[in-house]
Amino acid sequence: MITCKQITKRFGNVTALAPFDLSLDKGEFVAIKGASGSGKTTLLLALGGMLRPTAGEINYKGSDLYGRSSASLAEYRSQEVGFVFQMFHLVPYLAVEENVKLALPNGNDSGRALELLKQFGLADRLTHTPGELSAGERQRVALARALVSEPEMILADEPTGNLDPENDRQVFKYLSEYHQKGGTVAVVTHGSTAEEFADRIVKLKAG
């Protein structure tokens, strides 16, 4: 589904990613692990069309991802990929349901936003703003936002880094359910929970 060919990323004199190859198959659940500074987040951003490699190539379904036009790359980020971040990145002044609907193309909503929020146990939080939610609830909102457009792939960067063990497991349970329905998952994590759900573990060391 997506293939990295000798990708490299440098920031000045710092090499965040050294040249390597990596392929993710459609429907695969991959956990990306490594020490802080090993290049995990840099790799995830590159896969997500948000950080152009210094060298090398990333192919998505057979075409060069970064060879696309700006509009096509934006379409890839909004429709093909769902992002989940450690710090949630919810809009603080919007209610829960509004935050989720932001990820829908042209604001279209067939009721899927409400369906997901109910599934995630947030039906009684629809009109609450992020500041009125617990960390676990905010991450579930962020996950619903990532899933609402029914993307081909979920990229999650330490999605449970700020959560307690119970919420940690719940988030991976939802990611696993998406995976079992045919979705592709790449998750960056320090924890061990992902190992119970992942098909494969990729370990990075110094890029």
Protein backbone atom coordinates (compact mmCIF):
# COMPACT_ATOMS: atom_id res chain seq x y z
CA MET A 1 0.00 0.00 0.00
CA ILE A 2 2.76 2.44 0.95
CA THR A 3 6.48 1.93 0.35
CA CYS A 4 9.51 3.93 1.47
CA LYS A 5 12.57 3.62 -0.76
CA GLN A 6 15.81 4.76 0.84
CA ILE A 7 14.12 7.72 2.52
CA THR A 8 16.29 10.19 4.40
CA LYS A 9 15.37 13.26 6.41
CA ARG A 10 17.91 15.80 7.60
CA PHE A 11 17.42 18.97 9.60
CA GLY A 12 20.63 20.91 9.01
CA ASN A 13 23.44 18.71 10.31
CA VAL A 14 21.05 16.40 12.15
CA THR A 15 19.97 13.19 10.40
CA ALA A 16 16.52 12.28 11.68
CA LEU A 17 16.07 9.40 9.24
CA ALA A 18 18.98 7.52 7.70
CA PRO A 19 18.37 5.77 4.35
CA PHE A 20 16.11 2.73 4.74
CA ASP A 21 13.30 0.84 3.02
CA LEU A 22 9.92 0.10 4.58
CA SER A 23 6.65 -1.24 3.22
CA LEU A 24 3.21 -1.29 4.83
CA ASP A 25 0.68 -3.70 3.38
CA LYS A 26 -3.00 -2.86 3.07
CA GLY A 27 -4.83 -4.07 6.16
CA GLU A 28 -1.66 -4.37 8.25
CA PHE A 29 -1.26 -3.14 11.85
CA VAL A 30 2.32 -1.97 12.42
CA ALA A 31 3.75 -0.67 15.70
CA ILE A 32 6.76 1.63 15.34
CA LYS A 33 9.00 1.64 18.42
CA GLY A 34 12.30 3.16 19.44
CA ALA A 35 13.93 5.52 21.92
CA SER A 36 13.13 9.24 21.96
CA GLY A 37 14.87 10.92 19.05
CA SER A 38 15.07 7.74 16.98
CA GLY A 39 12.98 9.20 14.15
CA LYS A 40 9.56 7.67 14.85
CA THR A 41 7.50 10.84 14.57
CA THR A 42 9.53 12.04 11.59
CA LEU A 43 8.72 8.78 9.79
CA LEU A 44 5.02 9.07 10.62
CA LEU A 45 4.84 12.66 9.36
CA ALA A 46 6.59 11.63 6.14
CA LEU A 47 4.11 8.77 5.63
CA GLY A 48 1.26 11.19 6.24
CA GLY A 49 2.27 13.63 3.53
CA MET A 50 3.22 16.31 6.05
CA LEU A 51 7.02 16.20 5.89
CA ARG A 52 8.87 15.82 2.60
CA PRO A 53 11.93 13.54 2.83
CA THR A 54 15.32 15.08 2.05
CA ALA A 55 16.04 12.15 -0.25
CA GLY A 56 14.40 8.90 -1.28
CA GLU A 57 10.83 8.24 -2.33
CA ILE A 58 7.52 7.31 -0.71
CA ASN A 59 5.07 5.52 -2.99
CA TYR A 60 1.37 5.28 -2.16
CA LYS A 61 -0.56 2.76 -4.22
CA GLY A 62 2.15 2.83 -6.86
CA SER A 63 2.63 6.58 -7.29
CA ASP A 64 5.17 9.00 -5.82
CA LEU A 65 3.45 10.65 -2.85
CA TYR A 66 5.58 13.78 -2.88
CA GLY A 67 5.45 14.00 -6.66
CA ARG A 68 1.81 15.04 -6.33
CA SER A 69 0.55 18.59 -6.68
CA SER A 70 -0.16 20.55 -3.49
CA ALA A 71 -3.90 20.05 -4.01
CA SER A 72 -3.53 16.30 -4.53
CA LEU A 73 -1.31 15.99 -1.46
CA ALA A 74 -3.88 17.91 0.60
CA GLU A 75 -6.56 15.53 -0.68
CA TYR A 76 -4.43 12.57 0.40
CA ARG A 77 -4.09 14.01 3.92
CA SER A 78 -7.80 14.77 4.25
CA GLN A 79 -9.33 11.69 2.64
CA GLU A 80 -6.85 8.81 2.60
CA VAL A 81 -5.27 9.22 6.04
CA GLY A 82 -6.60 9.75 9.56
CA PHE A 83 -4.23 11.24 12.14
CA VAL A 84 -4.24 10.71 15.91
CA PHE A 85 -1.80 12.72 18.03
CA GLN A 86 -0.61 12.43 21.61
CA MET A 87 -1.70 15.99 22.42
CA PHE A 88 -5.14 15.50 20.79
CA HIS A 89 -5.07 18.80 18.82
CA LEU A 90 -8.78 19.45 19.25
CA VAL A 91 -10.15 22.95 18.58
CA PRO A 92 -10.72 24.29 22.12
CA TYR A 93 -13.75 26.48 21.37
CA LEU A 94 -15.68 23.87 19.35
CA ALA A 95 -17.96 21.24 20.86
CA VAL A 96 -17.14 17.54 20.62
CA GLU A 97 -19.40 16.81 17.65
CA GLU A 98 -18.15 19.90 15.79
CA ASN A 99 -14.52 18.81 16.31
CA VAL A 100 -15.26 15.45 14.72
CA LYS A 101 -17.17 16.94 11.79
CA LEU A 102 -14.17 19.11 10.92
CA ALA A 103 -12.56 16.06 9.31
CA LEU A 104 -15.46 15.47 6.90
CA PRO A 105 -14.96 16.56 3.27
CA ASN A 106 -16.86 19.83 2.71
CA GLY A 107 -18.48 19.40 6.11
CA ASN A 108 -20.74 16.61 4.81
CA ASP A 109 -22.26 14.44 7.51
CA SER A 110 -24.36 11.34 6.99
CA GLY A 111 -24.70 10.80 10.71
CA ARG A 112 -21.37 8.98 10.99
CA ALA A 113 -19.93 11.52 13.44
CA LEU A 114 -22.75 10.92 15.89
CA GLU A 115 -22.57 7.16 15.29
CA LEU A 116 -18.86 7.07 16.17
CA LEU A 117 -19.26 9.26 19.24
CA LYS A 118 -22.01 6.99 20.53
CA GLN A 119 -19.84 3.95 19.83
CA PHE A 120 -17.02 5.56 21.82
CA GLY A 121 -19.29 6.27 24.79
CA LEU A 122 -19.46 10.03 24.20
CA ALA A 123 -23.15 10.50 23.43
CA ASP A 124 -23.58 12.64 26.56
CA ARG A 125 -20.60 14.85 25.68
CA LEU A 126 -21.64 16.11 22.23
CA THR A 127 -22.01 19.75 23.25
CA HIS A 128 -19.04 19.83 25.64
CA THR A 129 -15.81 21.57 24.67
CA PRO A 130 -12.44 19.76 25.00
CA GLY A 131 -11.63 21.62 28.22
CA GLU A 132 -14.63 19.95 29.86
CA LEU A 133 -13.43 16.42 29.02
CA SER A 134 -11.00 14.01 30.65
CA ALA A 135 -7.79 13.05 28.80
CA GLY A 136 -9.31 9.70 27.84
CA GLU A 137 -12.44 11.36 26.48
CA ARG A 138 -10.40 13.86 24.46
CA GLN A 139 -8.39 11.06 22.89
CA ARG A 140 -11.58 9.22 21.97
CA VAL A 141 -12.85 12.40 20.30
CA ALA A 142 -9.55 12.66 18.41
CA LEU A 143 -9.86 9.04 17.32
CA ALA A 144 -13.45 9.58 16.17
CA ARG A 145 -12.26 12.58 14.15
CA ALA A 146 -9.56 10.42 12.51
CA LEU A 147 -12.07 7.70 11.61
CA VAL A 148 -15.08 9.77 10.55
CA SER A 149 -14.04 10.14 6.90
CA GLU A 150 -13.43 6.37 6.68
CA PRO A 151 -9.76 6.71 5.64
CA GLU A 152 -7.64 3.95 4.14
CA MET A 153 -5.00 4.34 6.85
CA ILE A 154 -4.67 5.57 10.43
CA LEU A 155 -1.37 7.10 11.55
CA ALA A 156 -1.18 7.48 15.33
CA ASP A 157 1.68 9.22 17.14
CA GLU A 158 1.88 8.12 20.80
CA PRO A 159 -1.94 8.12 21.00
CA THR A 160 -1.94 6.81 24.57
CA GLY A 161 1.12 8.61 25.92
CA ASN A 162 -1.01 10.81 28.20
CA LEU A 163 -3.49 8.13 29.23
CA ASP A 164 -3.86 5.73 32.14
CA PRO A 165 -3.65 1.95 31.49
CA GLU A 166 -7.43 1.51 31.18
CA ASN A 167 -7.79 4.25 28.53
CA ASP A 168 -4.58 3.09 26.86
CA ARG A 169 -6.10 -0.32 26.24
CA GLN A 170 -9.42 1.15 25.12
CA VAL A 171 -7.76 3.26 22.42
CA PHE A 172 -5.87 0.24 21.07
CA LYS A 173 -9.11 -1.74 21.14
CA TYR A 174 -10.75 0.83 18.84
CA LEU A 175 -7.71 0.87 16.55
CA SER A 176 -7.85 -2.93 16.43
CA GLU A 177 -11.53 -2.88 15.47
CA TYR A 178 -10.74 -0.51 12.59
CA HIS A 179 -7.89 -2.83 11.57
CA GLN A 180 -10.10 -5.92 11.70
CA LYS A 181 -12.48 -4.23 9.23
CA GLY A 182 -9.61 -3.92 6.74
CA GLY A 183 -8.02 -0.64 7.77
CA THR A 184 -4.26 -0.08 7.82
CA VAL A 185 -2.68 1.17 11.05
CA ALA A 186 0.78 2.54 11.79
CA VAL A 187 1.20 3.58 15.41
CA VAL A 188 4.22 5.12 17.12
CA THR A 189 4.41 4.02 20.74
CA HIS A 190 6.72 3.57 23.70
CA GLY A 191 4.33 1.28 25.52
CA SER A 192 3.83 -2.46 25.29
CA THR A 193 0.06 -2.59 24.68
CA ALA A 194 0.48 -2.21 20.92
CA GLU A 195 2.44 -5.46 20.79
CA GLU A 196 -0.74 -7.38 21.66
CA PHE A 197 -2.55 -5.98 18.62
CA ALA A 198 0.14 -5.38 15.99
CA ASP A 199 0.92 -7.75 13.13
CA ARG A 200 4.49 -6.48 13.04
CA ILE A 201 6.84 -4.31 15.11
CA VAL A 202 9.31 -1.96 13.42
CA LYS A 203 12.14 -0.73 15.65
CA LEU A 204 14.04 2.44 14.81
CA LYS A 205 17.45 3.25 16.19
CA ALA A 206 19.11 6.61 15.47
CA GLY A 207 17.01 7.11 12.34
